[in-house]
């Protein structure tokens, strides 16, 4: 299982992570990215991390 975290202070609201997440666990809320799906669905692919220009998204394997 993986844990995806979004640092809302760093998030610039570009939406790249939400648009590119194949598991659809990220969504834009109030102009910032937020984890909304079931983390059990996370594939651990790190796409969200790699497309985030501000480094606001992190992924850890539990």
C-alpha atoms as a PDB file:
ATOM      1  CA  UNK A   1       0.000   0.000   0.000  1.00  0.00           C
ATOM      2  CA  UNK A   2       1.116   3.544  -0.723  1.00  0.00           C
ATOM      3  CA  UNK A   3       0.465   6.876   0.944  1.00  0.00           C
ATOM      4  CA  UNK A   4       0.107   9.939  -1.281  1.00  0.00           C
ATOM      5  CA  UNK A   5       0.423  13.307   0.421  1.00  0.00           C
ATOM      6  CA  UNK A   6      -0.125  16.789  -0.985  1.00  0.00           C
ATOM      7  CA  UNK A   7       1.515  19.747   0.735  1.00  0.00           C
ATOM      8  CA  UNK A   8      -1.221  22.316   0.142  1.00  0.00           C
ATOM      9  CA  UNK A   9       1.181  25.145   0.998  1.00  0.00           C
ATOM     10  CA  UNK A  10       3.450  24.121  -1.892  1.00  0.00           C
ATOM     11  CA  UNK A  11       0.650  23.190  -4.321  1.00  0.00           C
ATOM     12  CA  UNK A  12       0.290  25.760  -7.107  1.00  0.00           C
ATOM     13  CA  UNK A  13      -3.058  24.369  -8.280  1.00  0.00           C
ATOM     14  CA  UNK A  14      -1.958  23.355 -11.771  1.00  0.00           C
ATOM     15  CA  UNK A  15      -3.958  20.108 -11.654  1.00  0.00           C
ATOM     16  CA  UNK A  16      -1.297  18.000 -13.370  1.00  0.00           C
ATOM     17  CA  UNK A  17      -1.286  15.357 -10.628  1.00  0.00           C
ATOM     18  CA  UNK A  18      -5.067  14.963 -10.689  1.00  0.00           C
ATOM     19  CA  UNK A  19      -5.194  14.841 -14.489  1.00  0.00           C
ATOM     20  CA  UNK A  20      -2.440  12.237 -14.768  1.00  0.00           C
ATOM     21  CA  UNK A  21      -3.224   9.890 -11.870  1.00  0.00           C
ATOM     22  CA  UNK A  22      -4.235   6.545 -13.420  1.00  0.00           C
ATOM     23  CA  UNK A  23      -6.012   5.526 -10.190  1.00  0.00           C
ATOM     24  CA  UNK A  24      -7.964   8.810  -9.947  1.00  0.00           C
ATOM     25  CA  UNK A  25      -7.230   9.269  -6.265  1.00  0.00           C
ATOM     26  CA  UNK A  26      -6.314  12.953  -6.651  1.00  0.00           C
ATOM     27  CA  UNK A  27      -8.774  15.740  -7.312  1.00  0.00           C
ATOM     28  CA  UNK A  28      -8.727  19.506  -7.304  1.00  0.00           C
ATOM     29  CA  UNK A  29     -10.541  21.105  -4.351  1.00  0.00           C
ATOM     30  CA  UNK A  30     -10.581  24.824  -3.667  1.00  0.00           C
ATOM     31  CA  UNK A  31      -7.847  25.333  -6.267  1.00  0.00           C
ATOM     32  CA  UNK A  32      -5.453  22.820  -4.719  1.00  0.00           C
ATOM     33  CA  UNK A  33      -4.821  19.103  -5.182  1.00  0.00           C
ATOM     34  CA  UNK A  34      -6.286  16.769  -2.588  1.00  0.00           C
ATOM     35  CA  UNK A  35      -6.309  13.019  -2.018  1.00  0.00           C
ATOM     36  CA  UNK A  36      -9.933  11.935  -2.390  1.00  0.00           C
ATOM     37  CA  UNK A  37      -9.861   8.330  -3.531  1.00  0.00           C
ATOM     38  CA  UNK A  38      -9.083   5.145  -1.686  1.00  0.00           C
ATOM     39  CA  UNK A  39      -5.329   4.915  -1.106  1.00  0.00           C
ATOM     40  CA  UNK A  40      -5.616   1.157  -1.585  1.00  0.00           C
ATOM     41  CA  UNK A  41      -6.207   1.955  -5.280  1.00  0.00           C
ATOM     42  CA  UNK A  42      -2.841   3.760  -5.613  1.00  0.00           C
ATOM     43  CA  UNK A  43      -0.565   1.942  -8.062  1.00  0.00           C
ATOM     44  CA  UNK A  44       2.639   3.436  -6.677  1.00  0.00           C
ATOM     45  CA  UNK A  45       3.599   4.593 -10.172  1.00  0.00           C
ATOM     46  CA  UNK A  46       4.842   8.007  -8.930  1.00  0.00           C
ATOM     47  CA  UNK A  47       3.258   9.798 -11.890  1.00  0.00           C
ATOM     48  CA  UNK A  48       1.747  12.361  -9.517  1.00  0.00           C
ATOM     49  CA  UNK A  49       5.173  13.051  -8.044  1.00  0.00           C
ATOM     50  CA  UNK A  50       6.926  13.349 -11.403  1.00  0.00           C
ATOM     51  CA  UNK A  51       4.407  15.738 -12.992  1.00  0.00           C
ATOM     52  CA  UNK A  52       4.158  18.107 -10.009  1.00  0.00           C
ATOM     53  CA  UNK A  53       6.217  21.217 -10.861  1.00  0.00           C
ATOM     54  CA  UNK A  54       6.247  22.502  -7.278  1.00  0.00           C
ATOM     55  CA  UNK A  55       7.223  19.267  -5.524  1.00  0.00           C
ATOM     56  CA  UNK A  56       4.028  19.309  -3.465  1.00  0.00           C
ATOM     57  CA  UNK A  57       3.171  15.645  -3.986  1.00  0.00           C
ATOM     58  CA  UNK A  58       4.997  12.861  -2.176  1.00  0.00           C
ATOM     59  CA  UNK A  59       4.526   9.101  -2.260  1.00  0.00           C
ATOM     60  CA  UNK A  60       5.611   6.608   0.383  1.00  0.00           C
ATOM     61  CA  UNK A  61       5.307   2.851   0.418  1.00  0.00           C
ATOM     62  CA  UNK A  62       3.888   1.520   3.672  1.00  0.00           C
END
